[in-house]
PDB file of N, CA and C in Angstrom:
ATOM      1  N   MET A   1      77.427  59.372  99.781  1.00  0.00           N
ATOM      2  CA  MET A   1      76.907  58.027  99.442  1.00  0.00           C
ATOM      3  C   MET A   1      75.890  58.075  98.300  1.00  0.00           C
ATOM      4  N   THR A   2      76.009  57.358  97.287  1.00  0.00           N
ATOM      5  CA  THR A   2      75.012  57.320  96.170  1.00  0.00           C
ATOM      6  C   THR A   2      73.748  56.558  96.683  1.00  0.00           C
ATOM      7  N   THR A   3      72.670  56.811  96.014  1.00  0.00           N
ATOM      8  CA  THR A   3      71.460  56.102  96.277  1.00  0.00           C
ATOM      9  C   THR A   3      71.767  54.528  96.331  1.00  0.00           C
ATOM     10  N   GLU A   4      72.423  54.026  95.194  1.00  0.00           N
ATOM     11  CA  GLU A   4      72.665  52.690  95.006  1.00  0.00           C
ATOM     12  C   GLU A   4      73.562  52.174  96.299  1.00  0.00           C
ATOM     13  N   GLN A   5      74.447  52.940  96.783  1.00  0.00           N
ATOM     14  CA  GLN A   5      75.286  52.570  97.907  1.00  0.00           C
ATOM     15  C   GLN A   5      74.363  52.494  99.246  1.00  0.00           C
ATOM     16  N   LYS A   6      73.434  53.547  99.251  1.00  0.00           N
ATOM     17  CA  LYS A   6      72.602  53.489 100.445  1.00  0.00           C
ATOM     18  C   LYS A   6      71.530  52.246 100.385  1.00  0.00           C
ATOM     19  N   ARG A   7      71.220  51.879  99.244  1.00  0.00           N
ATOM     20  CA  ARG A   7      70.299  50.699  99.070  1.00  0.00           C
ATOM     21  C   ARG A   7      71.023  49.416  99.539  1.00  0.00           C
ATOM     22  N   THR A   8      72.360  49.329  99.181  1.00  0.00           N
ATOM     23  CA  THR A   8      73.154  48.120  99.472  1.00  0.00           C
ATOM     24  C   THR A   8      73.353  48.158 101.088  1.00  0.00           C
ATOM     25  N   PHE A   9      73.687  49.371 101.505  1.00  0.00           N
ATOM     26  CA  PHE A   9      73.984  49.494 103.000  1.00  0.00           C
ATOM     27  C   PHE A   9      72.759  48.994 103.868  1.00  0.00           C
ATOM     28  N   TRP A  10      71.613  49.534 103.416  1.00  0.00           N
ATOM     29  CA  TRP A  10      70.406  49.234 104.313  1.00  0.00           C
ATOM     30  C   TRP A  10      69.913  47.882 104.132  1.00  0.00           C
ATOM     31  N   GLN A  11      70.069  47.291 102.772  1.00  0.00           N
ATOM     32  CA  GLN A  11      69.673  45.998 102.559  1.00  0.00           C
ATOM     33  C   GLN A  11      70.506  44.980 103.307  1.00  0.00           C
ATOM     34  N   ASN A  12      71.716  45.359 103.407  1.00  0.00           N
ATOM     35  CA  ASN A  12      72.726  44.481 104.257  1.00  0.00           C
ATOM     36  C   ASN A  12      72.107  44.435 105.697  1.00  0.00           C
ATOM     37  N   HIS A  13      71.965  45.732 106.260  1.00  0.00           N
ATOM     38  CA  HIS A  13      71.549  45.690 107.536  1.00  0.00           C
ATOM     39  C   HIS A  13      70.099  45.046 107.807  1.00  0.00           C
ATOM     40  N   ILE A  14      69.208  45.147 106.898  1.00  0.00           N
ATOM     41  CA  ILE A  14      67.874  44.531 106.964  1.00  0.00           C
ATOM     42  C   ILE A  14      68.093  42.923 107.020  1.00  0.00           C
ATOM     43  N   ASP A  15      68.972  42.469 106.128  1.00  0.00           N
ATOM     44  CA  ASP A  15      69.141  41.048 106.042  1.00  0.00           C
ATOM     45  C   ASP A  15      69.854  40.582 107.319  1.00  0.00           C
ATOM     46  N   CYS A  16      70.652  41.392 107.847  1.00  0.00           N
ATOM     47  CA  CYS A  16      71.318  40.918 109.149  1.00  0.00           C
ATOM     48  C   CYS A  16      70.338  40.990 110.221  1.00  0.00           C
ATOM     49  N   TRP A  17      69.599  41.995 110.296  1.00  0.00           N
ATOM     50  CA  TRP A  17      68.502  42.156 111.427  1.00  0.00           C
ATOM     51  C   TRP A  17      67.608  40.896 111.277  1.00  0.00           C
ATOM     52  N   GLN A  18      67.061  40.575 110.146  1.00  0.00           N
ATOM     53  CA  GLN A  18      66.113  39.474 109.979  1.00  0.00           C
ATOM     54  C   GLN A  18      66.726  38.201 110.526  1.00  0.00           C
ATOM     55  N   GLY A  19      68.063  37.890 110.464  1.00  0.00           N
ATOM     56  CA  GLY A  19      68.658  36.732 110.910  1.00  0.00           C
ATOM     57  C   GLY A  19      69.134  36.796 112.376  1.00  0.00           C
ATOM     58  N   SER A  20      68.970  38.012 112.909  1.00  0.00           N
ATOM     59  CA  SER A  20      69.463  38.223 114.236  1.00  0.00           C
ATOM     60  C   SER A  20      68.567  37.862 115.454  1.00  0.00           C
ATOM     61  N   GLY A  21      67.272  37.782 115.140  1.00  0.00           N
ATOM     62  CA  GLY A  21      66.342  37.454 116.183  1.00  0.00           C
ATOM     63  C   GLY A  21      66.099  38.653 117.125  1.00  0.00           C
ATOM     64  N   GLN A  22      66.617  39.744 116.893  1.00  0.00           N
ATOM     65  CA  GLN A  22      66.363  40.893 117.709  1.00  0.00           C
ATOM     66  C   GLN A  22      65.185  41.681 117.183  1.00  0.00           C
ATOM     67  N   SER A  23      64.748  42.549 118.126  1.00  0.00           N
ATOM     68  CA  SER A  23      63.714  43.557 117.656  1.00  0.00           C
ATOM     69  C   SER A  23      64.506  44.592 116.798  1.00  0.00           C
ATOM     70  N   GLN A  24      63.749  45.330 115.998  1.00  0.00           N
ATOM     71  CA  GLN A  24      64.347  46.439 115.200  1.00  0.00           C
ATOM     72  C   GLN A  24      65.136  47.534 116.110  1.00  0.00           C
ATOM     73  N   THR A  25      64.346  47.724 117.217  1.00  0.00           N
ATOM     74  CA  THR A  25      65.000  48.765 118.141  1.00  0.00           C
ATOM     75  C   THR A  25      66.245  48.159 118.748  1.00  0.00           C
ATOM     76  N   ALA A  26      66.326  46.998 119.237  1.00  0.00           N
ATOM     77  CA  ALA A  26      67.665  46.463 119.677  1.00  0.00           C
ATOM     78  C   ALA A  26      68.747  46.491 118.668  1.00  0.00           C
ATOM     79  N   TYR A  27      68.262  45.864 117.487  1.00  0.00           N
ATOM     80  CA  TYR A  27      69.280  45.861 116.333  1.00  0.00           C
ATOM     81  C   TYR A  27      69.974  47.370 116.027  1.00  0.00           C
ATOM     82  N   CYS A  28      68.946  48.238 116.005  1.00  0.00           N
ATOM     83  CA  CYS A  28      69.453  49.672 115.592  1.00  0.00           C
ATOM     84  C   CYS A  28      70.371  50.178 116.748  1.00  0.00           C
ATOM     85  N   LYS A  29      69.936  50.000 117.957  1.00  0.00           N
ATOM     86  CA  LYS A  29      70.873  50.455 118.954  1.00  0.00           C
ATOM     87  C   LYS A  29      72.169  49.838 119.066  1.00  0.00           C
ATOM     88  N   GLN A  30      72.227  48.609 118.794  1.00  0.00           N
ATOM     89  CA  GLN A  30      73.471  47.811 118.867  1.00  0.00           C
ATOM     90  C   GLN A  30      74.424  48.248 117.645  1.00  0.00           C
ATOM     91  N   HIS A  31      73.812  48.707 116.527  1.00  0.00           N
ATOM     92  CA  HIS A  31      74.640  49.036 115.284  1.00  0.00           C
ATOM     93  C   HIS A  31      74.704  50.619 115.142  1.00  0.00           C
ATOM     94  N   GLY A  32      74.113  51.381 115.960  1.00  0.00           N
ATOM     95  CA  GLY A  32      74.129  52.736 115.930  1.00  0.00           C
ATOM     96  C   GLY A  32      73.462  53.472 114.784  1.00  0.00           C
ATOM     97  N   LEU A  33      72.251  52.803 114.527  1.00  0.00           N
ATOM     98  CA  LEU A  33      71.282  53.250 113.453  1.00  0.00           C
ATOM     99  C   LEU A  33      70.131  53.906 113.944  1.00  0.00           C
ATOM    100  N   LYS A  34      69.673  54.866 113.309  1.00  0.00           N
ATOM    101  CA  LYS A  34      68.330  55.477 113.692  1.00  0.00           C
ATOM    102  C   LYS A  34      67.152  54.524 113.306  1.00  0.00           C
ATOM    103  N   LEU A  35      66.290  54.376 114.246  1.00  0.00           N
ATOM    104  CA  LEU A  35      65.146  53.468 114.038  1.00  0.00           C
ATOM    105  C   LEU A  35      64.275  53.998 112.853  1.00  0.00           C
ATOM    106  N   ALA A  36      64.089  55.207 112.820  1.00  0.00           N
ATOM    107  CA  ALA A  36      63.129  55.856 111.666  1.00  0.00           C
ATOM    108  C   ALA A  36      63.831  55.676 110.299  1.00  0.00           C
ATOM    109  N   ASN A  37      65.143  55.708 110.273  1.00  0.00           N
ATOM    110  CA  ASN A  37      65.875  55.556 108.986  1.00  0.00           C
ATOM    111  C   ASN A  37      65.682  54.027 108.611  1.00  0.00           C
ATOM    112  N   PHE A  38      65.909  53.234 109.569  1.00  0.00           N
ATOM    113  CA  PHE A  38      65.881  51.765 109.272  1.00  0.00           C
ATOM    114  C   PHE A  38      64.458  51.379 108.859  1.00  0.00           C
ATOM    115  N   GLY A  39      63.389  51.797 109.463  1.00  0.00           N
ATOM    116  CA  GLY A  39      62.024  51.666 109.130  1.00  0.00           C
ATOM    117  C   GLY A  39      61.687  52.158 107.607  1.00  0.00           C
ATOM    118  N   TYR A  40      62.266  53.277 107.413  1.00  0.00           N
ATOM    119  CA  TYR A  40      61.994  54.016 106.065  1.00  0.00           C
ATOM    120  C   TYR A  40      62.477  52.993 105.038  1.00  0.00           C
ATOM    121  N   TRP A  41      63.916  52.608 105.178  1.00  0.00           N
ATOM    122  CA  TRP A  41      64.545  51.819 104.155  1.00  0.00           C
ATOM    123  C   TRP A  41      63.985  50.419 104.087  1.00  0.00           C
ATOM    124  N   ARG A  42      63.546  49.931 105.101  1.00  0.00           N
ATOM    125  CA  ARG A  42      62.887  48.521 105.094  1.00  0.00           C
ATOM    126  C   ARG A  42      61.557  48.623 104.302  1.00  0.00           C
ATOM    127  N   THR A  43      60.755  49.598 104.497  1.00  0.00           N
ATOM    128  CA  THR A  43      59.511  49.772 103.693  1.00  0.00           C
ATOM    129  C   THR A  43      59.983  49.998 102.250  1.00  0.00           C
ATOM    130  N   ARG A  44      60.779  50.924 102.055  1.00  0.00           N
ATOM    131  CA  ARG A  44      61.107  51.321 100.693  1.00  0.00           C
ATOM    132  C   ARG A  44      61.771  50.023  99.768  1.00  0.00           C
ATOM    133  N   LEU A  45      62.567  49.335 100.476  1.00  0.00           N
ATOM    134  CA  LEU A  45      63.248  48.127  99.701  1.00  0.00           C
ATOM    135  C   LEU A  45      62.245  47.083  99.640  1.00  0.00           C
ATOM    136  N   SER A  46      61.341  46.988 100.576  1.00  0.00           N
ATOM    137  CA  SER A  46      60.245  45.956 100.504  1.00  0.00           C
ATOM    138  C   SER A  46      59.311  46.202  99.312  1.00  0.00           C
ATOM    139  N   LYS A  47      58.846  47.393  99.143  1.00  0.00           N
ATOM    140  CA  LYS A  47      57.964  47.822  98.031  1.00  0.00           C
ATOM    141  C   LYS A  47      58.762  47.558  96.687  1.00  0.00           C
ATOM    142  N   ALA A  48      59.984  47.846  96.504  1.00  0.00           N
ATOM    143  CA  ALA A  48      60.708  47.772  95.361  1.00  0.00           C
ATOM    144  C   ALA A  48      60.916  46.379  94.949  1.00  0.00           C
ATOM    145  N   GLN A  49      61.005  45.447  95.901  1.00  0.00           N
ATOM    146  CA  GLN A  49      61.142  44.099  95.564  1.00  0.00           C
ATOM    147  C   GLN A  49      59.817  43.550  95.118  1.00  0.00           C
ATOM    148  N   ARG A  50      58.711  43.919  95.727  1.00  0.00           N
ATOM    149  CA  ARG A  50      57.442  43.312  95.380  1.00  0.00           C
ATOM    150  C   ARG A  50      57.001  43.870  93.887  1.00  0.00           C
ATOM    151  N   SER A  51      57.402  45.126  93.663  1.00  0.00           N
ATOM    152  CA  SER A  51      56.696  45.694  92.385  1.00  0.00           C
ATOM    153  C   SER A  51      57.597  45.420  91.151  1.00  0.00           C
ATOM    154  N   HIS A  52      58.790  44.640  91.291  1.00  0.00           N
ATOM    155  CA  HIS A  52      59.569  44.351  90.041  1.00  0.00           C
ATOM    156  C   HIS A  52      59.808  42.967  89.705  1.00  0.00           C
ATOM    157  N   LYS A  53      58.690  42.150  89.954  1.00  0.00           N
ATOM    158  CA  LYS A  53      58.807  40.769  89.686  1.00  0.00           C
ATOM    159  C   LYS A  53      57.923  40.423  88.432  1.00  0.00           C
ATOM    160  N   PHE A  54      58.760  39.978  87.430  1.00  0.00           N
ATOM    161  CA  PHE A  54      58.182  39.655  86.141  1.00  0.00           C
ATOM    162  C   PHE A  54      58.417  38.047  86.081  1.00  0.00           C
ATOM    163  N   ILE A  55      57.370  37.357  85.491  1.00  0.00           N
ATOM    164  CA  ILE A  55      57.558  35.863  85.383  1.00  0.00           C
ATOM    165  C   ILE A  55      57.684  35.608  83.806  1.00  0.00           C
ATOM    166  N   PRO A  56      58.728  35.146  83.503  1.00  0.00           N
ATOM    167  CA  PRO A  56      58.953  34.699  81.969  1.00  0.00           C
ATOM    168  C   PRO A  56      57.922  33.670  81.439  1.00  0.00           C
ATOM    169  N   VAL A  57      57.429  33.913  80.329  1.00  0.00           N
ATOM    170  CA  VAL A  57      56.515  32.924  79.550  1.00  0.00           C
ATOM    171  C   VAL A  57      56.751  32.918  78.136  1.00  0.00           C
ATOM    172  N   ASP A  58      56.602  31.737  77.594  1.00  0.00           N
ATOM    173  CA  ASP A  58      56.745  31.582  76.140  1.00  0.00           C
ATOM    174  C   ASP A  58      55.384  31.593  75.376  1.00  0.00           C
ATOM    175  N   LEU A  59      55.241  32.546  74.434  1.00  0.00           N
ATOM    176  CA  LEU A  59      53.995  32.709  73.809  1.00  0.00           C
ATOM    177  C   LEU A  59      54.199  32.827  72.266  1.00  0.00           C
ATOM    178  N   GLU A  60      53.297  32.613  71.504  1.00  0.00           N
ATOM    179  CA  GLU A  60      53.326  32.838  70.033  1.00  0.00           C
ATOM    180  C   GLU A  60      53.523  34.301  69.818  1.00  0.00           C
ATOM    181  N   PRO A  61      54.299  34.734  68.809  1.00  0.00           N
ATOM    182  CA  PRO A  61      54.725  36.125  68.608  1.00  0.00           C
ATOM    183  C   PRO A  61      53.400  36.934  68.194  1.00  0.00           C
ATOM    184  N   ASN A  62      52.394  36.365  67.648  1.00  0.00           N
ATOM    185  CA  ASN A  62      51.304  37.137  67.189  1.00  0.00           C
ATOM    186  C   ASN A  62      50.077  37.306  68.343  1.00  0.00           C
ATOM    187  N   VAL A  63      50.424  36.712  69.462  1.00  0.00           N
ATOM    188  CA  VAL A  63      49.403  36.764  70.637  1.00  0.00           C
ATOM    189  C   VAL A  63      49.448  38.198  71.176  1.00  0.00           C
ATOM    190  N   GLN A  64      48.208  38.787  71.560  1.00  0.00           N
ATOM    191  CA  GLN A  64      48.094  39.952  72.230  1.00  0.00           C
ATOM    192  C   GLN A  64      48.181  39.820  73.774  1.00  0.00           C
ATOM    193  N   ALA A  65      48.840  40.721  74.398  1.00  0.00           N
ATOM    194  CA  ALA A  65      49.012  40.719  75.824  1.00  0.00           C
ATOM    195  C   ALA A  65      48.327  41.952  76.393  1.00  0.00           C
ATOM    196  N   ARG A  66      47.532  41.684  77.615  1.00  0.00           N
ATOM    197  CA  ARG A  66      46.953  42.708  78.302  1.00  0.00           C
ATOM    198  C   ARG A  66      47.591  42.906  79.573  1.00  0.00           C
ATOM    199  N   VAL A  67      48.057  44.066  79.784  1.00  0.00           N
ATOM    200  CA  VAL A  67      48.761  44.507  81.013  1.00  0.00           C
ATOM    201  C   VAL A  67      47.775  45.587  81.774  1.00  0.00           C
ATOM    202  N   SER A  68      47.514  45.291  83.095  1.00  0.00           N
ATOM    203  CA  SER A  68      46.851  46.157  83.899  1.00  0.00           C
ATOM    204  C   SER A  68      47.656  46.660  85.052  1.00  0.00           C
ATOM    205  N   LEU A  69      47.934  47.978  85.208  1.00  0.00           N
ATOM    206  CA  LEU A  69      48.727  48.538  86.164  1.00  0.00           C
ATOM    207  C   LEU A  69      47.976  48.969  87.433  1.00  0.00           C
ATOM    208  N   PRO A  70      48.584  48.970  88.582  1.00  0.00           N
ATOM    209  CA  PRO A  70      47.853  49.457  89.772  1.00  0.00           C
ATOM    210  C   PRO A  70      47.188  50.762  89.781  1.00  0.00           C
ATOM    211  N   ASN A  71      47.790  51.631  88.929  1.00  0.00           N
ATOM    212  CA  ASN A  71      47.117  52.912  88.692  1.00  0.00           C
ATOM    213  C   ASN A  71      45.938  53.131  87.831  1.00  0.00           C
ATOM    214  N   GLY A  72      45.496  51.873  87.368  1.00  0.00           N
ATOM    215  CA  GLY A  72      44.359  51.821  86.458  1.00  0.00           C
ATOM    216  C   GLY A  72      44.558  51.835  84.917  1.00  0.00           C
ATOM    217  N   ILE A  73      45.750  52.015  84.597  1.00  0.00           N
ATOM    218  CA  ILE A  73      46.177  52.055  83.180  1.00  0.00           C
ATOM    219  C   ILE A  73      46.097  50.584  82.648  1.00  0.00           C
ATOM    220  N   ARG A  74      45.514  50.357  81.526  1.00  0.00           N
ATOM    221  CA  ARG A  74      45.519  49.015  80.880  1.00  0.00           C
ATOM    222  C   ARG A  74      46.018  49.214  79.449  1.00  0.00           C
ATOM    223  N   LEU A  75      46.744  48.239  79.058  1.00  0.00           N
ATOM    224  CA  LEU A  75      47.515  48.223  77.784  1.00  0.00           C
ATOM    225  C   LEU A  75      47.304  46.967  77.116  1.00  0.00           C
ATOM    226  N   GLU A  76      47.075  46.931  75.946  1.00  0.00           N
ATOM    227  CA  GLU A  76      46.986  45.796  75.037  1.00  0.00           C
ATOM    228  C   GLU A  76      47.875  45.871  73.881  1.00  0.00           C
ATOM    229  N   VAL A  77      48.890  45.057  73.827  1.00  0.00           N
ATOM    230  CA  VAL A  77      49.850  45.148  72.664  1.00  0.00           C
ATOM    231  C   VAL A  77      50.282  43.767  72.252  1.00  0.00           C
ATOM    232  N   PRO A  78      50.785  43.645  71.034  1.00  0.00           N
ATOM    233  CA  PRO A  78      51.391  42.328  70.720  1.00  0.00           C
ATOM    234  C   PRO A  78      52.518  41.912  71.616  1.00  0.00           C
ATOM    235  N   VAL A  79      52.576  40.704  71.833  1.00  0.00           N
ATOM    236  CA  VAL A  79      53.629  40.148  72.813  1.00  0.00           C
ATOM    237  C   VAL A  79      55.052  40.584  72.477  1.00  0.00           C
ATOM    238  N   HIS A  80      55.350  40.577  71.097  1.00  0.00           N
ATOM    239  CA  HIS A  80      56.744  40.940  70.718  1.00  0.00           C
ATOM    240  C   HIS A  80      57.161  42.387  71.106  1.00  0.00           C
ATOM    241  N   THR A  81      56.162  43.137  71.383  1.00  0.00           N
ATOM    242  CA  THR A  81      56.665  44.587  71.713  1.00  0.00           C
ATOM    243  C   THR A  81      56.682  44.779  73.233  1.00  0.00           C
ATOM    244  N   LEU A  82      56.358  43.800  74.142  1.00  0.00           N
ATOM    245  CA  LEU A  82      56.443  43.877  75.553  1.00  0.00           C
ATOM    246  C   LEU A  82      57.736  44.254  76.055  1.00  0.00           C
ATOM    247  N   ALA A  83      58.814  43.529  75.447  1.00  0.00           N
ATOM    248  CA  ALA A  83      60.174  43.789  75.886  1.00  0.00           C
ATOM    249  C   ALA A  83      60.560  45.159  75.795  1.00  0.00           C
ATOM    250  N   GLY A  84      59.983  45.908  74.882  1.00  0.00           N
ATOM    251  CA  GLY A  84      60.356  47.479  74.795  1.00  0.00           C
ATOM    252  C   GLY A  84      59.462  48.309  75.709  1.00  0.00           C
ATOM    253  N   VAL A  85      58.244  47.815  75.987  1.00  0.00           N
ATOM    254  CA  VAL A  85      57.239  48.616  76.614  1.00  0.00           C
ATOM    255  C   VAL A  85      57.424  48.510  78.167  1.00  0.00           C
ATOM    256  N   LEU A  86      57.556  47.276  78.682  1.00  0.00           N
ATOM    257  CA  LEU A  86      57.635  47.074  80.089  1.00  0.00           C
ATOM    258  C   LEU A  86      58.691  47.804  80.853  1.00  0.00           C
ATOM    259  N   PRO A  87      59.887  47.981  80.402  1.00  0.00           N
ATOM    260  CA  PRO A  87      60.734  48.888  81.180  1.00  0.00           C
ATOM    261  C   PRO A  87      60.332  50.265  81.249  1.00  0.00           C
ATOM    262  N   LEU A  88      59.624  50.889  80.361  1.00  0.00           N
ATOM    263  CA  LEU A  88      59.128  52.114  80.230  1.00  0.00           C
ATOM    264  C   LEU A  88      58.016  52.360  81.320  1.00  0.00           C
ATOM    265  N   LEU A  89      57.248  51.311  81.347  1.00  0.00           N
ATOM    266  CA  LEU A  89      56.107  51.371  82.308  1.00  0.00           C
ATOM    267  C   LEU A  89      56.677  51.259  83.783  1.00  0.00           C
ATOM    268  N   SER A  90      57.619  50.424  83.976  1.00  0.00           N
ATOM    269  CA  SER A  90      58.269  50.209  85.172  1.00  0.00           C
ATOM    270  C   SER A  90      58.889  51.601  85.689  1.00  0.00           C
ATOM    271  N   ARG A  91      59.556  52.236  84.795  1.00  0.00           N
ATOM    272  CA  ARG A  91      60.122  53.493  85.243  1.00  0.00           C
ATOM    273  C   ARG A  91      58.954  54.497  85.513  1.00  0.00           C
ATOM    274  N   ALA A  92      57.939  54.544  84.846  1.00  0.00           N
ATOM    275  CA  ALA A  92      56.877  55.515  85.047  1.00  0.00           C
ATOM    276  C   ALA A  92      56.220  55.195  86.357  1.00  0.00           C
ATOM    277  N   ALA A  93      56.025  53.884  86.800  1.00  0.00           N
ATOM    278  CA  ALA A  93      55.475  53.514  87.968  1.00  0.00           C
ATOM    279  C   ALA A  93      56.381  53.928  89.193  1.00  0.00           C
ATOM    280  N   LEU A  94      57.682  53.808  89.079  1.00  0.00           N
ATOM    281  CA  LEU A  94      58.561  54.297  90.086  1.00  0.00           C
ATOM    282  C   LEU A  94      58.551  55.703  90.272  1.00  0.00           C
ATOM    283  N   GLU A  95      58.388  56.555  89.183  1.00  0.00           N
ATOM    284  CA  GLU A  95      58.353  57.993  89.277  1.00  0.00           C
ATOM    285  C   GLU A  95      56.980  58.450  90.004  1.00  0.00           C
ATOM    286  N   ASP A  96      56.027  57.577  89.883  1.00  0.00           N
ATOM    287  CA  ASP A  96      54.641  57.952  90.439  1.00  0.00           C
ATOM    288  C   ASP A  96      54.611  57.722  92.058  1.00  0.00           C
ATOM    289  N   SER A  97      55.543  56.665  92.396  1.00  0.00           N
ATOM    290  CA  SER A  97      55.542  56.425  93.888  1.00  0.00           C
ATOM    291  C   SER A  97      56.403  57.236  94.669  1.00  0.00           C
TER     292      SER A  97
END
């Protein structure tokens, strides 16, 4: 199973569990899942969702943008370059985690 298939598999189970009203232990027993694996993927997918949310804004092209990352890196660049820079920063952040 590829990593993407695993993500989909576990996200589906997490979504079903959240709507089930069951404890994690009961849900995992009912579906033949290991509780430790369930907890690992629940944490992993939760972190991924929180760390990749960008809010679109309209700014003048010559405006400077300041970006501060959780690891302490600060970047100041013209707004028009952010579209090229942010995906690189996002990949670097994932590699660090």
